[in-house]
Amino acid sequence: RAASVGSGPDVPEAVSLDNFLEVGARINSPDSTVAMRAFGVRQRDLLPKPMAHYLAISEGDARVAGMRRDSEEQFRTRVLEELRAQRRDLRLEADRGRSSFITESL
């Protein structure tokens, strides 16, 4: 379960797809949350699971648990990459909208 956004000196104001794991806080960056909503992804879907989870669902078979963990970690990494690309696209789209508004205003 993800921690809530704190207010201490170690928690940055914006927690994004780039720093939520290191900070250990809930993602609150608007661009990141919009990208997550667009893909239907919750933050808990982005958190790596401990090996104990895979051992439990693999009936203690370490080889099978390792294969499941590797597969899920590859998927989690791909999802994060896709979300970051979506966020970049959203930012580019917003920047284009601002620049066309500025040129139209002149």
PDB file of N, CA and C in Angstrom:
ATOM      1  N   ARG A   1       0.833  -1.175   0.000  1.00  0.00           N
ATOM      2  CA  ARG A   1       0.000   0.000   0.000  1.00  0.00           C
ATOM      3  C   ARG A   1       0.878   1.239   0.000  1.00  0.00           C
ATOM      4  N   ALA A   2       0.538   2.222  -0.856  1.00  0.00           N
ATOM      5  CA  ALA A   2       1.343   3.433  -0.962  1.00  0.00           C
ATOM      6  C   ALA A   2       1.091   4.333   0.230  1.00  0.00           C
ATOM      7  N   ALA A   3       2.123   5.011   0.624  1.00  0.00           N
ATOM      8  CA  ALA A   3       2.012   5.961   1.721  1.00  0.00           C
ATOM      9  C   ALA A   3       1.324   7.224   1.233  1.00  0.00           C
ATOM     10  N   SER A   4       0.743   7.952   2.154  1.00  0.00           N
ATOM     11  CA  SER A   4       0.142   9.231   1.803  1.00  0.00           C
ATOM     12  C   SER A   4       1.221  10.274   1.657  1.00  0.00           C
ATOM     13  N   VAL A   5       0.879  11.355   0.982  1.00  0.00           N
ATOM     14  CA  VAL A   5       1.838  12.440   0.824  1.00  0.00           C
ATOM     15  C   VAL A   5       2.052  13.076   2.183  1.00  0.00           C
ATOM     16  N   GLY A   6       3.282  13.155   2.575  1.00  0.00           N
ATOM     17  CA  GLY A   6       3.615  13.766   3.855  1.00  0.00           C
ATOM     18  C   GLY A   6       3.969  15.221   3.678  1.00  0.00           C
ATOM     19  N   SER A   7       4.378  15.847   4.754  1.00  0.00           N
ATOM     20  CA  SER A   7       4.740  17.259   4.671  1.00  0.00           C
ATOM     21  C   SER A   7       6.133  17.519   5.227  1.00  0.00           C
ATOM     22  N   GLY A   8       6.880  16.455   5.454  1.00  0.00           N
ATOM     23  CA  GLY A   8       8.215  16.618   6.002  1.00  0.00           C
ATOM     24  C   GLY A   8       9.204  17.101   4.960  1.00  0.00           C
ATOM     25  N   PRO A   9      10.428  17.396   5.381  1.00  0.00           N
ATOM     26  CA  PRO A   9      11.433  17.926   4.464  1.00  0.00           C
ATOM     27  C   PRO A   9      11.872  16.925   3.391  1.00  0.00           C
ATOM     28  N   ASP A  10      11.635  15.626   3.621  1.00  0.00           N
ATOM     29  CA  ASP A  10      12.063  14.610   2.655  1.00  0.00           C
ATOM     30  C   ASP A  10      11.041  14.353   1.557  1.00  0.00           C
ATOM     31  N   VAL A  11       9.825  14.885   1.702  1.00  0.00           N
ATOM     32  CA  VAL A  11       8.773  14.642   0.714  1.00  0.00           C
ATOM     33  C   VAL A  11       8.643  15.876  -0.173  1.00  0.00           C
ATOM     34  N   PRO A  12       8.953  15.722  -1.478  1.00  0.00           N
ATOM     35  CA  PRO A  12       8.822  16.867  -2.387  1.00  0.00           C
ATOM     36  C   PRO A  12       7.362  17.238  -2.567  1.00  0.00           C
ATOM     37  N   GLU A  13       7.124  18.468  -2.993  1.00  0.00           N
ATOM     38  CA  GLU A  13       5.758  18.938  -3.202  1.00  0.00           C
ATOM     39  C   GLU A  13       5.058  18.119  -4.278  1.00  0.00           C
ATOM     40  N   ALA A  14       5.742  17.843  -5.391  1.00  0.00           N
ATOM     41  CA  ALA A  14       5.155  17.056  -6.464  1.00  0.00           C
ATOM     42  C   ALA A  14       5.767  15.660  -6.473  1.00  0.00           C
ATOM     43  N   VAL A  15       4.909  14.676  -6.331  1.00  0.00           N
ATOM     44  CA  VAL A  15       5.338  13.285  -6.403  1.00  0.00           C
ATOM     45  C   VAL A  15       4.809  12.762  -7.736  1.00  0.00           C
ATOM     46  N   SER A  16       5.728  12.309  -8.590  1.00  0.00           N
ATOM     47  CA  SER A  16       5.359  11.924  -9.953  1.00  0.00           C
ATOM     48  C   SER A  16       5.735  10.479 -10.248  1.00  0.00           C
ATOM     49  N   LEU A  17       5.502  10.084 -11.490  1.00  0.00           N
ATOM     50  CA  LEU A  17       5.899   8.757 -11.951  1.00  0.00           C
ATOM     51  C   LEU A  17       7.408   8.556 -11.854  1.00  0.00           C
ATOM     52  N   ASP A  18       8.140   9.656 -11.790  1.00  0.00           N
ATOM     53  CA  ASP A  18       9.599   9.575 -11.750  1.00  0.00           C
ATOM     54  C   ASP A  18      10.164   9.359 -10.354  1.00  0.00           C
ATOM     55  N   ASN A  19       9.443   9.792  -9.315  1.00  0.00           N
ATOM     56  CA  ASN A  19      10.051   9.750  -7.986  1.00  0.00           C
ATOM     57  C   ASN A  19       9.209   9.075  -6.905  1.00  0.00           C
ATOM     58  N   PHE A  20       8.035   8.530  -7.241  1.00  0.00           N
ATOM     59  CA  PHE A  20       7.161   7.983  -6.206  1.00  0.00           C
ATOM     60  C   PHE A  20       7.770   6.792  -5.465  1.00  0.00           C
ATOM     61  N   LEU A  21       8.556   5.976  -6.157  1.00  0.00           N
ATOM     62  CA  LEU A  21       9.160   4.826  -5.480  1.00  0.00           C
ATOM     63  C   LEU A  21      10.217   5.268  -4.475  1.00  0.00           C
ATOM     64  N   GLU A  22      11.051   6.234  -4.875  1.00  0.00           N
ATOM     65  CA  GLU A  22      12.108   6.712  -3.981  1.00  0.00           C
ATOM     66  C   GLU A  22      11.527   7.464  -2.790  1.00  0.00           C
ATOM     67  N   VAL A  23      10.490   8.256  -3.058  1.00  0.00           N
ATOM     68  CA  VAL A  23       9.890   9.081  -2.003  1.00  0.00           C
ATOM     69  C   VAL A  23       9.011   8.230  -1.091  1.00  0.00           C
ATOM     70  N   GLY A  24       8.372   7.215  -1.652  1.00  0.00           N
ATOM     71  CA  GLY A  24       7.460   6.387  -0.867  1.00  0.00           C
ATOM     72  C   GLY A  24       6.171   7.105  -0.550  1.00  0.00           C
ATOM     73  N   ALA A  25       5.702   7.917  -1.500  1.00  0.00           N
ATOM     74  CA  ALA A  25       4.490   8.698  -1.277  1.00  0.00           C
ATOM     75  C   ALA A  25       3.545   8.539  -2.458  1.00  0.00           C
ATOM     76  N   ARG A  26       2.304   8.951  -2.247  1.00  0.00           N
ATOM     77  CA  ARG A  26       1.281   8.871  -3.280  1.00  0.00           C
ATOM     78  C   ARG A  26       1.572   9.862  -4.397  1.00  0.00           C
ATOM     79  N   ILE A  27       1.376   9.422  -5.637  1.00  0.00           N
ATOM     80  CA  ILE A  27       1.568  10.281  -6.803  1.00  0.00           C
ATOM     81  C   ILE A  27       0.507  11.376  -6.778  1.00  0.00           C
ATOM     82  N   ASN A  28       0.971  12.627  -6.859  1.00  0.00           N
ATOM     83  CA  ASN A  28       0.040  13.757  -6.845  1.00  0.00           C
ATOM     84  C   ASN A  28       0.297  14.746  -7.976  1.00  0.00           C
ATOM     85  N   SER A  29       1.257  14.480  -8.819  1.00  0.00           N
ATOM     86  CA  SER A  29       1.551  15.360  -9.942  1.00  0.00           C
ATOM     87  C   SER A  29       0.389  15.285 -10.934  1.00  0.00           C
ATOM     88  N   PRO A  30      -0.188  16.430 -11.320  1.00  0.00           N
ATOM     89  CA  PRO A  30      -1.354  16.415 -12.222  1.00  0.00           C
ATOM     90  C   PRO A  30      -1.101  15.675 -13.536  1.00  0.00           C
ATOM     91  N   ASP A  31       0.028  15.892 -14.178  1.00  0.00           N
ATOM     92  CA  ASP A  31       0.306  15.214 -15.448  1.00  0.00           C
ATOM     93  C   ASP A  31       0.413  13.705 -15.261  1.00  0.00           C
ATOM     94  N   SER A  32       1.031  13.287 -14.184  1.00  0.00           N
ATOM     95  CA  SER A  32       1.170  11.854 -13.920  1.00  0.00           C
ATOM     96  C   SER A  32      -0.184  11.219 -13.622  1.00  0.00           C
ATOM     97  N   THR A  33      -1.011  11.883 -12.834  1.00  0.00           N
ATOM     98  CA  THR A  33      -2.309  11.299 -12.486  1.00  0.00           C
ATOM     99  C   THR A  33      -3.236  11.255 -13.694  1.00  0.00           C
ATOM    100  N   VAL A  34      -3.164  12.236 -14.587  1.00  0.00           N
ATOM    101  CA  VAL A  34      -3.978  12.204 -15.806  1.00  0.00           C
ATOM    102  C   VAL A  34      -3.552  11.030 -16.681  1.00  0.00           C
ATOM    103  N   ALA A  35      -2.253  10.821 -16.833  1.00  0.00           N
ATOM    104  CA  ALA A  35      -1.757   9.698 -17.625  1.00  0.00           C
ATOM    105  C   ALA A  35      -2.209   8.372 -17.008  1.00  0.00           C
ATOM    106  N   MET A  36      -2.168   8.273 -15.698  1.00  0.00           N
ATOM    107  CA  MET A  36      -2.589   7.042 -15.028  1.00  0.00           C
ATOM    108  C   MET A  36      -4.079   6.789 -15.249  1.00  0.00           C
ATOM    109  N   ARG A  37      -4.887   7.834 -15.158  1.00  0.00           N
ATOM    110  CA  ARG A  37      -6.331   7.687 -15.396  1.00  0.00           C
ATOM    111  C   ARG A  37      -6.605   7.264 -16.833  1.00  0.00           C
ATOM    112  N   ALA A  38      -5.862   7.843 -17.780  1.00  0.00           N
ATOM    113  CA  ALA A  38      -6.060   7.513 -19.194  1.00  0.00           C
ATOM    114  C   ALA A  38      -5.800   6.031 -19.460  1.00  0.00           C
ATOM    115  N   PHE A  39      -4.870   5.430 -18.726  1.00  0.00           N
ATOM    116  CA  PHE A  39      -4.542   4.020 -18.911  1.00  0.00           C
ATOM    117  C   PHE A  39      -5.268   3.116 -17.913  1.00  0.00           C
ATOM    118  N   GLY A  40      -6.015   3.711 -16.989  1.00  0.00           N
ATOM    119  CA  GLY A  40      -6.715   2.907 -15.994  1.00  0.00           C
ATOM    120  C   GLY A  40      -5.787   2.213 -15.025  1.00  0.00           C
ATOM    121  N   VAL A  41      -4.691   2.882 -14.677  1.00  0.00           N
ATOM    122  CA  VAL A  41      -3.678   2.306 -13.790  1.00  0.00           C
ATOM    123  C   VAL A  41      -3.759   2.973 -12.428  1.00  0.00           C
ATOM    124  N   ARG A  42      -3.720   2.161 -11.389  1.00  0.00           N
ATOM    125  CA  ARG A  42      -3.658   2.688 -10.018  1.00  0.00           C
ATOM    126  C   ARG A  42      -2.217   2.594  -9.537  1.00  0.00           C
ATOM    127  N   GLN A  43      -1.887   3.414  -8.565  1.00  0.00           N
ATOM    128  CA  GLN A  43      -0.507   3.433  -8.087  1.00  0.00           C
ATOM    129  C   GLN A  43      -0.091   2.065  -7.567  1.00  0.00           C
ATOM    130  N   ARG A  44      -0.963   1.365  -6.911  1.00  0.00           N
ATOM    131  CA  ARG A  44      -0.581   0.048  -6.371  1.00  0.00           C
ATOM    132  C   ARG A  44      -0.200  -0.920  -7.489  1.00  0.00           C
ATOM    133  N   ASP A  45      -0.697  -0.673  -8.715  1.00  0.00           N
ATOM    134  CA  ASP A  45      -0.305  -1.508  -9.850  1.00  0.00           C
ATOM    135  C   ASP A  45       1.151  -1.273 -10.243  1.00  0.00           C
ATOM    136  N   LEU A  46       1.705  -0.139  -9.820  1.00  0.00           N
ATOM    137  CA  LEU A  46       3.058   0.247 -10.208  1.00  0.00           C
ATOM    138  C   LEU A  46       4.116  -0.126  -9.168  1.00  0.00           C
ATOM    139  N   LEU A  47       3.670  -0.622  -8.042  1.00  0.00           N
ATOM    140  CA  LEU A  47       4.601  -0.956  -6.961  1.00  0.00           C
ATOM    141  C   LEU A  47       5.148  -2.377  -7.142  1.00  0.00           C
ATOM    142  N   PRO A  48       6.464  -2.550  -7.014  1.00  0.00           N
ATOM    143  CA  PRO A  48       7.017  -3.909  -7.091  1.00  0.00           C
ATOM    144  C   PRO A  48       6.555  -4.731  -5.884  1.00  0.00           C
ATOM    145  N   LYS A  49       6.326  -5.995  -6.118  1.00  0.00           N
ATOM    146  CA  LYS A  49       5.892  -6.889  -5.039  1.00  0.00           C
ATOM    147  C   LYS A  49       7.111  -7.619  -4.485  1.00  0.00           C
ATOM    148  N   PRO A  50       7.091  -7.928  -3.191  1.00  0.00           N
ATOM    149  CA  PRO A  50       8.221  -8.652  -2.590  1.00  0.00           C
ATOM    150  C   PRO A  50       8.244 -10.107  -3.053  1.00  0.00           C
ATOM    151  N   MET A  51       9.393 -10.710  -2.992  1.00  0.00           N
ATOM    152  CA  MET A  51       9.555 -12.109  -3.398  1.00  0.00           C
ATOM    153  C   MET A  51       8.617 -13.021  -2.612  1.00  0.00           C
ATOM    154  N   ALA A  52       8.332 -12.681  -1.369  1.00  0.00           N
ATOM    155  CA  ALA A  52       7.430 -13.500  -0.541  1.00  0.00           C
ATOM    156  C   ALA A  52       6.065 -13.656  -1.212  1.00  0.00           C
ATOM    157  N   HIS A  53       5.609 -12.630  -1.901  1.00  0.00           N
ATOM    158  CA  HIS A  53       4.328 -12.700  -2.613  1.00  0.00           C
ATOM    159  C   HIS A  53       4.387 -13.793  -3.676  1.00  0.00           C
ATOM    160  N   TYR A  54       5.447 -13.803  -4.457  1.00  0.00           N
ATOM    161  CA  TYR A  54       5.577 -14.778  -5.536  1.00  0.00           C
ATOM    162  C   TYR A  54       5.788 -16.192  -4.994  1.00  0.00           C
ATOM    163  N   LEU A  55       6.511 -16.316  -3.897  1.00  0.00           N
ATOM    164  CA  LEU A  55       6.691 -17.627  -3.276  1.00  0.00           C
ATOM    165  C   LEU A  55       5.349 -18.169  -2.780  1.00  0.00           C
ATOM    166  N   ALA A  56       4.521 -17.290  -2.218  1.00  0.00           N
ATOM    167  CA  ALA A  56       3.219 -17.713  -1.703  1.00  0.00           C
ATOM    168  C   ALA A  56       2.310 -18.216  -2.827  1.00  0.00           C
ATOM    169  N   ILE A  57       2.294 -17.524  -3.956  1.00  0.00           N
ATOM    170  CA  ILE A  57       1.406 -17.937  -5.044  1.00  0.00           C
ATOM    171  C   ILE A  57       2.016 -19.050  -5.889  1.00  0.00           C
ATOM    172  N   SER A  58       3.271 -19.380  -5.628  1.00  0.00           N
ATOM    173  CA  SER A  58       3.952 -20.460  -6.355  1.00  0.00           C
ATOM    174  C   SER A  58       4.176 -21.668  -5.457  1.00  0.00           C
ATOM    175  N   GLU A  59       3.459 -21.709  -4.338  1.00  0.00           N
ATOM    176  CA  GLU A  59       3.540 -22.823  -3.393  1.00  0.00           C
ATOM    177  C   GLU A  59       4.973 -23.104  -2.960  1.00  0.00           C
ATOM    178  N   GLY A  60       5.753 -22.028  -2.797  1.00  0.00           N
ATOM    179  CA  GLY A  60       7.110 -22.152  -2.288  1.00  0.00           C
ATOM    180  C   GLY A  60       8.154 -22.554  -3.311  1.00  0.00           C
ATOM    181  N   ASP A  61       7.780 -22.742  -4.560  1.00  0.00           N
ATOM    182  CA  ASP A  61       8.729 -23.121  -5.610  1.00  0.00           C
ATOM    183  C   ASP A  61       9.516 -21.880  -6.032  1.00  0.00           C
ATOM    184  N   ALA A  62      10.762 -21.794  -5.615  1.00  0.00           N
ATOM    185  CA  ALA A  62      11.578 -20.594  -5.857  1.00  0.00           C
ATOM    186  C   ALA A  62      11.808 -20.342  -7.345  1.00  0.00           C
ATOM    187  N   ARG A  63      11.950 -21.385  -8.136  1.00  0.00           N
ATOM    188  CA  ARG A  63      12.178 -21.212  -9.579  1.00  0.00           C
ATOM    189  C   ARG A  63      10.959 -20.583 -10.244  1.00  0.00           C
ATOM    190  N   VAL A  64       9.787 -21.124  -9.943  1.00  0.00           N
ATOM    191  CA  VAL A  64       8.545 -20.586 -10.512  1.00  0.00           C
ATOM    192  C   VAL A  64       8.306 -19.167  -9.989  1.00  0.00           C
ATOM    193  N   ALA A  65       8.553 -18.960  -8.704  1.00  0.00           N
ATOM    194  CA  ALA A  65       8.374 -17.631  -8.115  1.00  0.00           C
ATOM    195  C   ALA A  65       9.270 -16.610  -8.804  1.00  0.00           C
ATOM    196  N   GLY A  66      10.516 -16.987  -9.072  1.00  0.00           N
ATOM    197  CA  GLY A  66      11.445 -16.084  -9.748  1.00  0.00           C
ATOM    198  C   GLY A  66      10.997 -15.758 -11.159  1.00  0.00           C
ATOM    199  N   MET A  67      10.478 -16.757 -11.867  1.00  0.00           N
ATOM    200  CA  MET A  67       9.987 -16.514 -13.225  1.00  0.00           C
ATOM    201  C   MET A  67       8.775 -15.588 -13.208  1.00  0.00           C
ATOM    202  N   ARG A  68       7.868 -15.798 -12.263  1.00  0.00           N
ATOM    203  CA  ARG A  68       6.690 -14.926 -12.153  1.00  0.00           C
ATOM    204  C   ARG A  68       7.113 -13.486 -11.816  1.00  0.00           C
ATOM    205  N   ARG A  69       8.040 -13.376 -10.866  1.00  0.00           N
ATOM    206  CA  ARG A  69       8.515 -12.042 -10.495  1.00  0.00           C
ATOM    207  C   ARG A  69       9.168 -11.344 -11.687  1.00  0.00           C
ATOM    208  N   ASP A  70      10.021 -12.041 -12.412  1.00  0.00           N
ATOM    209  CA  ASP A  70      10.689 -11.442 -13.567  1.00  0.00           C
ATOM    210  C   ASP A  70       9.684 -10.990 -14.614  1.00  0.00           C
ATOM    211  N   SER A  71       8.706 -11.822 -14.879  1.00  0.00           N
ATOM    212  CA  SER A  71       7.684 -11.493 -15.883  1.00  0.00           C
ATOM    213  C   SER A  71       6.874 -10.277 -15.454  1.00  0.00           C
ATOM    214  N   GLU A  72       6.434 -10.271 -14.204  1.00  0.00           N
ATOM    215  CA  GLU A  72       5.629  -9.154 -13.711  1.00  0.00           C
ATOM    216  C   GLU A  72       6.451  -7.865 -13.635  1.00  0.00           C
ATOM    217  N   GLU A  73       7.715  -7.983 -13.285  1.00  0.00           N
ATOM    218  CA  GLU A  73       8.581  -6.801 -13.219  1.00  0.00           C
ATOM    219  C   GLU A  73       8.795  -6.207 -14.608  1.00  0.00           C
ATOM    220  N   GLN A  74       8.961  -7.048 -15.615  1.00  0.00           N
ATOM    221  CA  GLN A  74       9.075  -6.547 -16.990  1.00  0.00           C
ATOM    222  C   GLN A  74       7.800  -5.822 -17.403  1.00  0.00           C
ATOM    223  N   PHE A  75       6.649  -6.386 -17.056  1.00  0.00           N
ATOM    224  CA  PHE A  75       5.372  -5.756 -17.392  1.00  0.00           C
ATOM    225  C   PHE A  75       5.226  -4.422 -16.662  1.00  0.00           C
ATOM    226  N   ARG A  76       5.551  -4.407 -15.369  1.00  0.00           N
ATOM    227  CA  ARG A  76       5.449  -3.179 -14.566  1.00  0.00           C
ATOM    228  C   ARG A  76       6.340  -2.089 -15.149  1.00  0.00           C
ATOM    229  N   THR A  77       7.536  -2.453 -15.571  1.00  0.00           N
ATOM    230  CA  THR A  77       8.465  -1.503 -16.169  1.00  0.00           C
ATOM    231  C   THR A  77       7.915  -0.943 -17.481  1.00  0.00           C
ATOM    232  N   ARG A  78       7.331  -1.818 -18.307  1.00  0.00           N
ATOM    233  CA  ARG A  78       6.732  -1.362 -19.572  1.00  0.00           C
ATOM    234  C   ARG A  78       5.567  -0.418 -19.326  1.00  0.00           C
ATOM    235  N   VAL A  79       4.748  -0.718 -18.340  1.00  0.00           N
ATOM    236  CA  VAL A  79       3.616   0.154 -18.007  1.00  0.00           C
ATOM    237  C   VAL A  79       4.125   1.522 -17.579  1.00  0.00           C
ATOM    238  N   LEU A  80       5.149   1.557 -16.739  1.00  0.00           N
ATOM    239  CA  LEU A  80       5.730   2.838 -16.315  1.00  0.00           C
ATOM    240  C   LEU A  80       6.256   3.627 -17.514  1.00  0.00           C
ATOM    241  N   GLU A  81       6.926   2.953 -18.438  1.00  0.00           N
ATOM    242  CA  GLU A  81       7.437   3.623 -19.644  1.00  0.00           C
ATOM    243  C   GLU A  81       6.294   4.194 -20.474  1.00  0.00           C
ATOM    244  N   GLU A  82       5.217   3.432 -20.626  1.00  0.00           N
ATOM    245  CA  GLU A  82       4.055   3.902 -21.390  1.00  0.00           C
ATOM    246  C   GLU A  82       3.402   5.098 -20.713  1.00  0.00           C
ATOM    247  N   LEU A  83       3.297   5.043 -19.396  1.00  0.00           N
ATOM    248  CA  LEU A  83       2.706   6.167 -18.660  1.00  0.00           C
ATOM    249  C   LEU A  83       3.566   7.425 -18.803  1.00  0.00           C
ATOM    250  N   ARG A  84       4.867   7.267 -18.726  1.00  0.00           N
ATOM    251  CA  ARG A  84       5.762   8.423 -18.894  1.00  0.00           C
ATOM    252  C   ARG A  84       5.661   8.989 -20.307  1.00  0.00           C
ATOM    253  N   ALA A  85       5.521   8.131 -21.311  1.00  0.00           N
ATOM    254  CA  ALA A  85       5.348   8.599 -22.693  1.00  0.00           C
ATOM    255  C   ALA A  85       4.015   9.331 -22.832  1.00  0.00           C
ATOM    256  N   GLN A  86       2.962   8.806 -22.236  1.00  0.00           N
ATOM    257  CA  GLN A  86       1.648   9.468 -22.267  1.00  0.00           C
ATOM    258  C   GLN A  86       1.737  10.842 -21.606  1.00  0.00           C
ATOM    259  N   ARG A  87       2.448  10.903 -20.494  1.00  0.00           N
ATOM    260  CA  ARG A  87       2.605  12.176 -19.786  1.00  0.00           C
ATOM    261  C   ARG A  87       3.362  13.179 -20.660  1.00  0.00           C
ATOM    262  N   ARG A  88       4.416  12.719 -21.342  1.00  0.00           N
ATOM    263  CA  ARG A  88       5.159  13.596 -22.263  1.00  0.00           C
ATOM    264  C   ARG A  88       4.245  14.114 -23.367  1.00  0.00           C
ATOM    265  N   ASP A  89       3.432  13.212 -23.931  1.00  0.00           N
ATOM    266  CA  ASP A  89       2.505  13.617 -24.990  1.00  0.00           C
ATOM    267  C   ASP A  89       1.503  14.650 -24.491  1.00  0.00           C
ATOM    268  N   LEU A  90       1.012  14.464 -23.293  1.00  0.00           N
ATOM    269  CA  LEU A  90       0.067  15.423 -22.712  1.00  0.00           C
ATOM    270  C   LEU A  90       0.726  16.792 -22.538  1.00  0.00           C
ATOM    271  N   ARG A  91       1.976  16.776 -22.080  1.00  0.00           N
ATOM    272  CA  ARG A  91       2.696  18.044 -21.895  1.00  0.00           C
ATOM    273  C   ARG A  91       2.951  18.722 -23.232  1.00  0.00           C
ATOM    274  N   LEU A  92       3.335  17.958 -24.255  1.00  0.00           N
ATOM    275  CA  LEU A  92       3.558  18.539 -25.591  1.00  0.00           C
ATOM    276  C   LEU A  92       2.267  19.130 -26.146  1.00  0.00           C
ATOM    277  N   GLU A  93       1.179  18.404 -25.970  1.00  0.00           N
ATOM    278  CA  GLU A  93      -0.122  18.888 -26.432  1.00  0.00           C
ATOM    279  C   GLU A  93      -0.505  20.188 -25.724  1.00  0.00           C
ATOM    280  N   ALA A  94      -0.267  20.239 -24.424  1.00  0.00           N
ATOM    281  CA  ALA A  94      -0.571  21.454 -23.660  1.00  0.00           C
ATOM    282  C   ALA A  94       0.315  22.606 -24.106  1.00  0.00           C
ATOM    283  N   ASP A  95       1.599  22.329 -24.358  1.00  0.00           N
ATOM    284  CA  ASP A  95       2.523  23.370 -24.815  1.00  0.00           C
ATOM    285  C   ASP A  95       2.111  23.892 -26.191  1.00  0.00           C
ATOM    286  N   ARG A  96       1.690  22.987 -27.082  1.00  0.00           N
ATOM    287  CA  ARG A  96       1.231  23.419 -28.414  1.00  0.00           C
ATOM    288  C   ARG A  96      -0.002  24.301 -28.289  1.00  0.00           C
ATOM    289  N   GLY A  97      -0.900  23.931 -27.407  1.00  0.00           N
ATOM    290  CA  GLY A  97      -2.102  24.728 -27.184  1.00  0.00           C
ATOM    291  C   GLY A  97      -1.779  26.110 -26.674  1.00  0.00           C
ATOM    292  N   ARG A  98      -0.813  26.196 -25.770  1.00  0.00           N
ATOM    293  CA  ARG A  98      -0.419  27.510 -25.241  1.00  0.00           C
ATOM    294  C   ARG A  98       0.259  28.345 -26.323  1.00  0.00           C
ATOM    295  N   SER A  99       1.123  27.711 -27.127  1.00  0.00           N
ATOM    296  CA  SER A  99       1.843  28.489 -28.134  1.00  0.00           C
ATOM    297  C   SER A  99       0.903  28.945 -29.228  1.00  0.00           C
ATOM    298  N   SER A 100      -0.089  28.132 -29.617  1.00  0.00           N
ATOM    299  CA  SER A 100      -1.019  28.578 -30.648  1.00  0.00           C
ATOM    300  C   SER A 100      -1.913  29.685 -30.111  1.00  0.00           C
ATOM    301  N   PHE A 101      -2.251  29.634 -28.817  1.00  0.00           N
ATOM    302  CA  PHE A 101      -3.047  30.699 -28.217  1.00  0.00           C
ATOM    303  C   PHE A 101      -2.252  32.005 -28.239  1.00  0.00           C
ATOM    304  N   ILE A 102      -0.955  31.930 -27.926  1.00  0.00           N
ATOM    305  CA  ILE A 102      -0.119  33.120 -27.902  1.00  0.00           C
ATOM    306  C   ILE A 102       0.006  33.705 -29.308  1.00  0.00           C
ATOM    307  N   THR A 103       0.264  32.882 -30.318  1.00  0.00           N
ATOM    308  CA  THR A 103       0.407  33.399 -31.676  1.00  0.00           C
ATOM    309  C   THR A 103      -0.906  33.923 -32.220  1.00  0.00           C
ATOM    310  N   GLU A 104      -2.020  33.317 -31.871  1.00  0.00           N
ATOM    311  CA  GLU A 104      -3.323  33.807 -32.308  1.00  0.00           C
ATOM    312  C   GLU A 104      -3.673  35.128 -31.635  1.00  0.00           C
ATOM    313  N   SER A 105      -3.173  35.329 -30.422  1.00  0.00           N
ATOM    314  CA  SER A 105      -3.460  36.552 -29.681  1.00  0.00           C
ATOM    315  C   SER A 105      -2.689  37.751 -30.234  1.00  0.00           C
ATOM    316  N   LEU A 106      -1.570  37.490 -30.911  1.00  0.00           N
ATOM    317  CA  LEU A 106      -0.737  38.581 -31.421  1.00  0.00           C
ATOM    318  C   LEU A 106      -1.322  39.172 -32.617  1.00  0.00           C
TER     319      LEU A 106
END
